[in-house]
N, C-alpha and C. Protein backbone atom coordinates (compact mmCIF):
# COMPACT_ATOMS: atom_id res chain seq x y z
N MET A 1 17.99 -24.45 -0.80
CA MET A 1 17.43 -23.17 -0.49
C MET A 1 18.27 -22.10 -1.20
N THR A 2 17.59 -21.16 -1.80
CA THR A 2 18.22 -20.03 -2.51
C THR A 2 18.54 -18.92 -1.55
N ARG A 3 19.72 -18.36 -1.70
CA ARG A 3 20.16 -17.24 -0.89
C ARG A 3 19.84 -15.93 -1.59
N ILE A 4 19.34 -14.95 -0.91
CA ILE A 4 19.08 -13.68 -1.50
C ILE A 4 20.31 -12.79 -1.29
N ALA A 5 20.76 -12.17 -2.36
CA ALA A 5 21.93 -11.32 -2.31
C ALA A 5 21.64 -10.06 -1.52
N SER A 6 22.53 -9.61 -0.75
CA SER A 6 22.37 -8.37 -0.01
C SER A 6 22.44 -7.19 -0.96
N CYS A 7 21.84 -6.05 -0.57
CA CYS A 7 21.84 -4.90 -1.43
C CYS A 7 23.22 -4.42 -1.76
N LYS A 8 24.16 -4.60 -0.83
CA LYS A 8 25.49 -4.14 -1.05
C LYS A 8 26.21 -4.89 -2.18
N SER A 9 25.86 -6.14 -2.39
CA SER A 9 26.54 -6.94 -3.39
C SER A 9 25.84 -6.90 -4.77
N ARG A 10 24.67 -6.27 -4.85
CA ARG A 10 23.94 -6.18 -6.10
C ARG A 10 24.49 -5.09 -6.98
N THR A 11 24.51 -5.30 -8.26
CA THR A 11 24.98 -4.29 -9.19
C THR A 11 23.90 -3.27 -9.46
N GLN A 12 24.32 -2.10 -9.77
CA GLN A 12 23.37 -1.02 -10.08
C GLN A 12 23.27 -0.88 -11.60
N VAL A 13 22.08 -0.47 -12.05
CA VAL A 13 21.84 -0.20 -13.45
C VAL A 13 21.30 1.22 -13.58
N LYS A 14 21.47 1.80 -14.73
CA LYS A 14 20.91 3.14 -15.01
C LYS A 14 19.85 2.98 -16.07
N PHE A 15 18.75 3.71 -15.86
CA PHE A 15 17.66 3.71 -16.82
C PHE A 15 17.04 5.07 -16.91
N GLN A 16 16.25 5.31 -17.87
CA GLN A 16 15.60 6.65 -18.07
C GLN A 16 14.14 6.57 -17.73
N PHE A 17 13.65 7.63 -17.03
CA PHE A 17 12.22 7.82 -16.86
C PHE A 17 11.87 9.19 -17.27
N ASN A 18 11.11 9.28 -18.34
CA ASN A 18 10.74 10.59 -18.90
C ASN A 18 11.93 11.50 -19.16
N GLY A 19 13.04 10.88 -19.62
CA GLY A 19 14.25 11.61 -20.00
C GLY A 19 15.21 11.81 -18.84
N GLU A 20 14.81 11.48 -17.61
CA GLU A 20 15.70 11.65 -16.48
C GLU A 20 16.41 10.32 -16.16
N THR A 21 17.71 10.39 -15.94
CA THR A 21 18.45 9.17 -15.62
C THR A 21 18.30 8.81 -14.15
N LEU A 22 17.93 7.59 -13.91
CA LEU A 22 17.72 7.08 -12.56
C LEU A 22 18.60 5.85 -12.38
N THR A 23 18.87 5.51 -11.12
CA THR A 23 19.65 4.35 -10.81
C THR A 23 18.78 3.35 -9.99
N ALA A 24 18.99 2.09 -10.24
CA ALA A 24 18.27 1.04 -9.53
C ALA A 24 19.20 -0.17 -9.36
N PHE A 25 18.78 -1.13 -8.57
CA PHE A 25 19.52 -2.39 -8.46
C PHE A 25 19.08 -3.36 -9.48
N ASN A 26 20.02 -4.10 -10.09
CA ASN A 26 19.70 -5.15 -11.07
C ASN A 26 18.81 -6.14 -10.34
N GLY A 27 17.68 -6.47 -11.01
CA GLY A 27 16.75 -7.40 -10.43
C GLY A 27 15.52 -6.76 -9.83
N ASP A 28 15.56 -5.42 -9.64
CA ASP A 28 14.39 -4.76 -9.12
C ASP A 28 13.32 -4.66 -10.20
N SER A 29 12.09 -4.62 -9.80
CA SER A 29 11.00 -4.36 -10.78
C SER A 29 11.08 -2.86 -11.19
N VAL A 30 10.56 -2.53 -12.31
CA VAL A 30 10.49 -1.14 -12.76
C VAL A 30 9.72 -0.33 -11.74
N ALA A 31 8.60 -0.86 -11.25
CA ALA A 31 7.81 -0.17 -10.28
C ALA A 31 8.59 0.15 -9.02
N ALA A 32 9.30 -0.85 -8.48
CA ALA A 32 10.09 -0.68 -7.27
C ALA A 32 11.15 0.35 -7.48
N ALA A 33 11.79 0.31 -8.63
CA ALA A 33 12.86 1.29 -8.95
C ALA A 33 12.30 2.70 -9.06
N LEU A 34 11.15 2.86 -9.68
CA LEU A 34 10.56 4.19 -9.81
C LEU A 34 10.08 4.70 -8.44
N LEU A 35 9.46 3.85 -7.66
CA LEU A 35 9.02 4.24 -6.31
C LEU A 35 10.19 4.66 -5.42
N ALA A 36 11.29 3.89 -5.53
CA ALA A 36 12.46 4.22 -4.73
C ALA A 36 13.10 5.56 -5.12
N SER A 37 12.85 5.98 -6.38
CA SER A 37 13.33 7.26 -6.87
C SER A 37 12.38 8.38 -6.77
N ASN A 38 11.20 8.10 -6.11
CA ASN A 38 10.13 9.11 -5.98
C ASN A 38 9.67 9.61 -7.33
N ALA A 39 9.67 8.77 -8.34
CA ALA A 39 9.24 9.16 -9.67
C ALA A 39 7.75 8.81 -9.87
N GLY A 40 7.11 9.60 -10.71
CA GLY A 40 5.69 9.36 -11.00
C GLY A 40 5.04 10.62 -11.50
N PRO A 41 3.79 10.54 -11.89
CA PRO A 41 2.96 9.40 -11.89
C PRO A 41 3.36 8.40 -13.00
N PHE A 42 2.95 7.13 -12.82
CA PHE A 42 3.26 6.11 -13.79
C PHE A 42 2.40 6.23 -15.03
N ARG A 43 1.15 6.60 -14.84
CA ARG A 43 0.22 6.74 -15.96
C ARG A 43 -0.85 7.74 -15.61
N THR A 44 -1.61 8.12 -16.65
CA THR A 44 -2.85 8.91 -16.43
C THR A 44 -4.00 8.10 -17.02
N THR A 45 -5.18 8.32 -16.48
CA THR A 45 -6.35 7.60 -16.96
C THR A 45 -6.82 8.17 -18.29
N PRO A 46 -7.45 7.32 -19.15
CA PRO A 46 -7.84 7.74 -20.44
C PRO A 46 -8.87 8.89 -20.50
N VAL A 47 -9.85 8.88 -19.58
CA VAL A 47 -10.95 9.83 -19.64
C VAL A 47 -10.62 11.11 -18.91
N SER A 48 -10.30 11.03 -17.62
CA SER A 48 -10.12 12.24 -16.80
C SER A 48 -8.66 12.67 -16.67
N HIS A 49 -7.72 11.83 -17.16
CA HIS A 49 -6.30 12.11 -17.06
C HIS A 49 -5.79 12.20 -15.63
N ALA A 50 -6.50 11.49 -14.72
CA ALA A 50 -6.07 11.44 -13.31
C ALA A 50 -4.77 10.66 -13.20
N PRO A 51 -3.84 11.10 -12.38
CA PRO A 51 -2.56 10.39 -12.23
C PRO A 51 -2.74 9.10 -11.40
N ARG A 52 -1.95 8.09 -11.81
CA ARG A 52 -2.00 6.82 -11.10
C ARG A 52 -0.56 6.32 -10.80
N ASN A 53 -0.41 5.64 -9.69
CA ASN A 53 0.80 4.97 -9.29
C ASN A 53 0.48 3.56 -8.89
N PRO A 54 1.47 2.69 -8.67
CA PRO A 54 1.16 1.30 -8.31
C PRO A 54 0.31 1.20 -7.06
N TYR A 55 -0.52 0.18 -7.06
CA TYR A 55 -1.37 -0.09 -5.93
C TYR A 55 -1.11 -1.46 -5.33
N CYS A 56 -1.18 -2.49 -6.18
CA CYS A 56 -1.02 -3.86 -5.65
C CYS A 56 0.35 -4.43 -5.72
N MET A 57 1.20 -3.98 -6.63
CA MET A 57 2.54 -4.49 -6.87
C MET A 57 2.65 -5.99 -7.17
N MET A 58 1.54 -6.56 -7.67
CA MET A 58 1.60 -7.97 -8.05
C MET A 58 0.82 -8.24 -9.35
N GLY A 59 0.55 -7.26 -10.16
CA GLY A 59 -0.04 -7.43 -11.50
C GLY A 59 -1.52 -7.57 -11.56
N ILE A 60 -2.25 -7.22 -10.54
CA ILE A 60 -3.71 -7.32 -10.54
C ILE A 60 -4.38 -6.05 -10.93
N CYS A 61 -3.91 -4.88 -10.46
CA CYS A 61 -4.68 -3.62 -10.56
C CYS A 61 -4.43 -2.84 -11.84
N PHE A 62 -3.34 -3.01 -12.53
CA PHE A 62 -2.98 -2.23 -13.74
C PHE A 62 -2.78 -0.74 -13.55
N ASP A 63 -2.62 -0.30 -12.33
CA ASP A 63 -2.37 1.15 -12.10
C ASP A 63 -0.93 1.51 -12.40
N CYS A 64 -0.06 0.54 -12.63
CA CYS A 64 1.34 0.80 -12.82
C CYS A 64 1.76 0.76 -14.30
N LEU A 65 0.77 0.85 -15.22
CA LEU A 65 1.09 0.77 -16.65
C LEU A 65 2.00 1.89 -17.07
N VAL A 66 3.05 1.53 -17.81
CA VAL A 66 4.00 2.51 -18.35
C VAL A 66 4.36 2.07 -19.76
N THR A 67 5.06 2.95 -20.47
CA THR A 67 5.60 2.62 -21.75
C THR A 67 7.10 2.29 -21.55
N ILE A 68 7.52 1.09 -21.99
CA ILE A 68 8.89 0.66 -21.81
C ILE A 68 9.47 0.38 -23.18
N ASP A 69 10.56 1.12 -23.49
CA ASP A 69 11.25 0.99 -24.77
C ASP A 69 10.26 1.09 -25.95
N GLY A 70 9.32 2.05 -25.83
CA GLY A 70 8.36 2.32 -26.92
C GLY A 70 7.14 1.41 -26.90
N VAL A 71 7.04 0.45 -26.04
CA VAL A 71 5.89 -0.44 -26.02
C VAL A 71 4.99 -0.05 -24.81
N GLY A 72 3.73 0.26 -25.07
CA GLY A 72 2.82 0.68 -24.06
C GLY A 72 2.16 -0.46 -23.30
N ASN A 73 1.41 -0.14 -22.32
CA ASN A 73 0.65 -1.09 -21.49
C ASN A 73 1.50 -2.14 -20.84
N ARG A 74 2.71 -1.76 -20.41
CA ARG A 74 3.61 -2.71 -19.69
C ARG A 74 3.38 -2.48 -18.18
N GLN A 75 3.20 -3.55 -17.51
CA GLN A 75 3.01 -3.50 -16.04
C GLN A 75 4.34 -3.36 -15.39
N ALA A 76 4.60 -2.23 -14.80
CA ALA A 76 5.90 -1.91 -14.23
C ALA A 76 6.26 -2.85 -13.05
N CYS A 77 5.23 -3.33 -12.37
CA CYS A 77 5.48 -4.20 -11.21
C CYS A 77 5.93 -5.58 -11.66
N LEU A 78 5.69 -5.96 -12.91
CA LEU A 78 6.09 -7.31 -13.40
C LEU A 78 7.27 -7.29 -14.29
N CYS A 79 7.84 -6.11 -14.62
CA CYS A 79 9.01 -5.99 -15.55
C CYS A 79 10.23 -5.68 -14.72
N GLU A 80 11.30 -6.45 -15.03
CA GLU A 80 12.59 -6.19 -14.33
C GLU A 80 13.32 -5.06 -15.03
N VAL A 81 13.82 -4.13 -14.25
CA VAL A 81 14.57 -2.99 -14.78
C VAL A 81 15.89 -3.48 -15.34
N THR A 82 16.28 -2.93 -16.50
CA THR A 82 17.53 -3.34 -17.13
C THR A 82 18.34 -2.03 -17.48
N ASP A 83 19.64 -2.21 -17.60
CA ASP A 83 20.49 -1.10 -17.89
C ASP A 83 20.14 -0.52 -19.28
N GLY A 84 19.94 0.80 -19.33
CA GLY A 84 19.61 1.51 -20.57
C GLY A 84 18.13 1.51 -20.93
N MET A 85 17.30 0.95 -20.09
CA MET A 85 15.85 0.87 -20.39
C MET A 85 15.28 2.31 -20.44
N GLN A 86 14.35 2.51 -21.37
CA GLN A 86 13.66 3.78 -21.50
C GLN A 86 12.23 3.61 -21.03
N VAL A 87 11.88 4.28 -19.98
CA VAL A 87 10.52 4.17 -19.37
C VAL A 87 9.85 5.55 -19.47
N GLU A 88 8.58 5.54 -19.84
CA GLU A 88 7.86 6.80 -19.95
C GLU A 88 6.51 6.65 -19.27
N THR A 89 6.00 7.79 -18.77
CA THR A 89 4.64 7.83 -18.23
C THR A 89 3.71 7.50 -19.39
N GLN A 90 2.72 6.65 -19.12
CA GLN A 90 1.73 6.32 -20.14
C GLN A 90 0.55 7.33 -19.99
N LEU A 91 0.34 8.08 -21.01
CA LEU A 91 -0.69 9.10 -20.99
C LEU A 91 -1.93 8.59 -21.65
N GLY A 92 -3.00 8.39 -20.81
CA GLY A 92 -4.25 7.90 -21.33
C GLY A 92 -4.16 6.46 -21.87
N ARG A 93 -4.94 6.17 -22.88
CA ARG A 93 -4.94 4.82 -23.46
C ARG A 93 -3.78 4.71 -24.40
N ARG A 94 -3.13 3.53 -24.38
CA ARG A 94 -2.01 3.30 -25.29
C ARG A 94 -2.12 1.93 -25.88
N ASP A 95 -1.94 1.82 -27.19
CA ASP A 95 -1.97 0.53 -27.85
C ASP A 95 -0.74 -0.26 -27.41
N ILE A 96 -0.84 -1.61 -27.43
CA ILE A 96 0.25 -2.46 -27.01
C ILE A 96 1.40 -2.35 -27.95
N ALA A 97 1.18 -2.35 -29.25
CA ALA A 97 2.29 -2.27 -30.23
C ALA A 97 2.03 -1.05 -31.11
N LYS A 98 3.12 -0.42 -31.53
CA LYS A 98 2.99 0.74 -32.41
C LYS A 98 2.80 0.31 -33.86
């Protein structure tokens, strides 16, 4: 059986969201880290530019799409936050690779 580390023993990482430095625990998803920091919106819709934040937190709904380290259409709920990661709000439609 695997033991889950307590929050007190987990190391913290720093990452950027839209140029602002945020702190999260190593192993958190990007979505969880952003929600814990009250950051958002994660993306805007292509047609109406309506703001969106995570809904399902398990990779089904695609409302948590962000740009991570210059790559768009990344599902924040499925990506682990890492030290120095650059995350940006995805505005409208974004190609997967530049």
